[in-house]
Amino acid sequence: MAEPTVDPKLLEILVCPLTKGPLTYDRTAQELISQRARLAYPIRDGIPIMLIDEARSLDEDGVAAAALAPPPPQAG
């Protein structure tokens, strides 16, 4: 079964609900990472779950790993 994908246009407009800052897409973990909030929002069945209560807290290593992830592809 192929891993679900998230619409790149959707990734361009989503922001962290806590900080209103940018998110980084972690394709492997299927999460959206907020480096400022140190949270990882899950993506389930291709749908980002943008609820703070559903987010996973990141430790220092998680934030550093997210910073190295490639940015989402740009449309256009």
C-alpha atoms as a PDB file:
ATOM      1  CA  MET A   1       0.000   0.000   0.000  1.00  0.00           C
ATOM      2  CA  ALA A   2       1.413   3.413  -0.966  1.00  0.00           C
ATOM      3  CA  GLU A   3       1.954   5.971   1.763  1.00  0.00           C
ATOM      4  CA  PRO A   4      -0.690   8.699   1.789  1.00  0.00           C
ATOM      5  CA  THR A   5       0.296  12.048   0.389  1.00  0.00           C
ATOM      6  CA  VAL A   6      -0.787  15.528   1.386  1.00  0.00           C
ATOM      7  CA  ASP A   7      -1.821  18.093  -1.207  1.00  0.00           C
ATOM      8  CA  PRO A   8       1.161  20.470  -1.667  1.00  0.00           C
ATOM      9  CA  LYS A   9      -1.248  23.444  -1.917  1.00  0.00           C
ATOM     10  CA  LEU A  10      -2.621  22.540   1.513  1.00  0.00           C
ATOM     11  CA  LEU A  11       0.900  22.386   2.956  1.00  0.00           C
ATOM     12  CA  GLU A  12       1.570  25.901   1.659  1.00  0.00           C
ATOM     13  CA  ILE A  13      -1.311  27.426   3.624  1.00  0.00           C
ATOM     14  CA  LEU A  14      -1.198  25.452   6.876  1.00  0.00           C
ATOM     15  CA  VAL A  15       0.430  27.038   9.928  1.00  0.00           C
ATOM     16  CA  CYS A  16       0.924  25.879  13.497  1.00  0.00           C
ATOM     17  CA  PRO A  17      -2.302  26.558  15.422  1.00  0.00           C
ATOM     18  CA  LEU A  18      -0.268  27.472  18.517  1.00  0.00           C
ATOM     19  CA  THR A  19       2.376  29.824  17.087  1.00  0.00           C
ATOM     20  CA  LYS A  20       0.850  30.640  13.679  1.00  0.00           C
ATOM     21  CA  GLY A  21       4.330  29.863  12.346  1.00  0.00           C
ATOM     22  CA  PRO A  22       5.430  27.706   9.407  1.00  0.00           C
ATOM     23  CA  LEU A  23       5.365  23.925   9.372  1.00  0.00           C
ATOM     24  CA  THR A  24       7.793  21.421   7.884  1.00  0.00           C
ATOM     25  CA  TYR A  25       6.443  18.242   6.276  1.00  0.00           C
ATOM     26  CA  ASP A  26       8.072  15.028   7.496  1.00  0.00           C
ATOM     27  CA  ARG A  27       7.052  12.540   4.812  1.00  0.00           C
ATOM     28  CA  THR A  28       8.595   9.541   6.594  1.00  0.00           C
ATOM     29  CA  ALA A  29       6.831  10.118   9.917  1.00  0.00           C
ATOM     30  CA  GLN A  30       3.703  11.546   8.230  1.00  0.00           C
ATOM     31  CA  GLU A  31       3.770  14.603  10.471  1.00  0.00           C
ATOM     32  CA  LEU A  32       3.818  18.376  10.172  1.00  0.00           C
ATOM     33  CA  ILE A  33       6.550  19.824  12.380  1.00  0.00           C
ATOM     34  CA  SER A  34       6.367  23.169  14.161  1.00  0.00           C
ATOM     35  CA  GLN A  35       9.930  23.930  15.184  1.00  0.00           C
ATOM     36  CA  ARG A  36       8.911  27.002  17.184  1.00  0.00           C
ATOM     37  CA  ALA A  37       6.260  25.130  19.224  1.00  0.00           C
ATOM     38  CA  ARG A  38       8.343  21.925  19.279  1.00  0.00           C
ATOM     39  CA  LEU A  39       5.271  19.935  18.232  1.00  0.00           C
ATOM     40  CA  ALA A  40       4.592  17.351  15.532  1.00  0.00           C
ATOM     41  CA  TYR A  41       1.056  17.239  14.166  1.00  0.00           C
ATOM     42  CA  PRO A  42       0.030  13.827  12.796  1.00  0.00           C
ATOM     43  CA  ILE A  43      -1.227  13.202   9.290  1.00  0.00           C
ATOM     44  CA  ARG A  44      -3.812  10.418   9.181  1.00  0.00           C
ATOM     45  CA  ASP A  45      -5.084   9.043   5.886  1.00  0.00           C
ATOM     46  CA  GLY A  46      -3.655  12.110   4.147  1.00  0.00           C
ATOM     47  CA  ILE A  47      -5.441  14.548   6.481  1.00  0.00           C
ATOM     48  CA  PRO A  48      -3.382  16.797   8.781  1.00  0.00           C
ATOM     49  CA  ILE A  49      -4.731  16.727  12.340  1.00  0.00           C
ATOM     50  CA  MET A  50      -4.105  20.318  13.417  1.00  0.00           C
ATOM     51  CA  LEU A  51      -5.177  19.967  17.047  1.00  0.00           C
ATOM     52  CA  ILE A  52      -2.688  20.886  19.757  1.00  0.00           C
ATOM     53  CA  ASP A  53      -4.035  18.064  21.941  1.00  0.00           C
ATOM     54  CA  GLU A  54      -3.239  15.556  19.173  1.00  0.00           C
ATOM     55  CA  ALA A  55       0.303  16.853  18.560  1.00  0.00           C
ATOM     56  CA  ARG A  56       3.381  15.013  19.747  1.00  0.00           C
ATOM     57  CA  SER A  57       5.938  16.956  21.761  1.00  0.00           C
ATOM     58  CA  LEU A  58       9.418  17.011  20.221  1.00  0.00           C
ATOM     59  CA  ASP A  59      12.650  16.759  22.118  1.00  0.00           C
ATOM     60  CA  GLU A  60      15.812  18.551  20.974  1.00  0.00           C
ATOM     61  CA  ASP A  61      16.727  15.704  18.576  1.00  0.00           C
ATOM     62  CA  GLY A  62      13.280  15.779  16.999  1.00  0.00           C
ATOM     63  CA  VAL A  63      13.485  19.501  16.346  1.00  0.00           C
ATOM     64  CA  ALA A  64      16.990  19.155  14.882  1.00  0.00           C
ATOM     65  CA  ALA A  65      15.889  16.303  12.624  1.00  0.00           C
ATOM     66  CA  ALA A  66      12.902  18.303  11.390  1.00  0.00           C
ATOM     67  CA  ALA A  67      15.166  21.217  10.545  1.00  0.00           C
ATOM     68  CA  LEU A  68      17.100  18.944   8.190  1.00  0.00           C
ATOM     69  CA  ALA A  69      13.990  17.688   6.381  1.00  0.00           C
ATOM     70  CA  PRO A  70      13.576  18.976   2.831  1.00  0.00           C
ATOM     71  CA  PRO A  71      10.900  21.645   2.332  1.00  0.00           C
ATOM     72  CA  PRO A  72       7.625  20.700   0.629  1.00  0.00           C
ATOM     73  CA  PRO A  73       7.629  20.988  -3.157  1.00  0.00           C
ATOM     74  CA  GLN A  74       6.629  24.382  -4.493  1.00  0.00           C
ATOM     75  CA  ALA A  75       3.729  24.524  -6.924  1.00  0.00           C
ATOM     76  CA  GLY A  76       4.032  26.397 -10.128  1.00  0.00           C
END
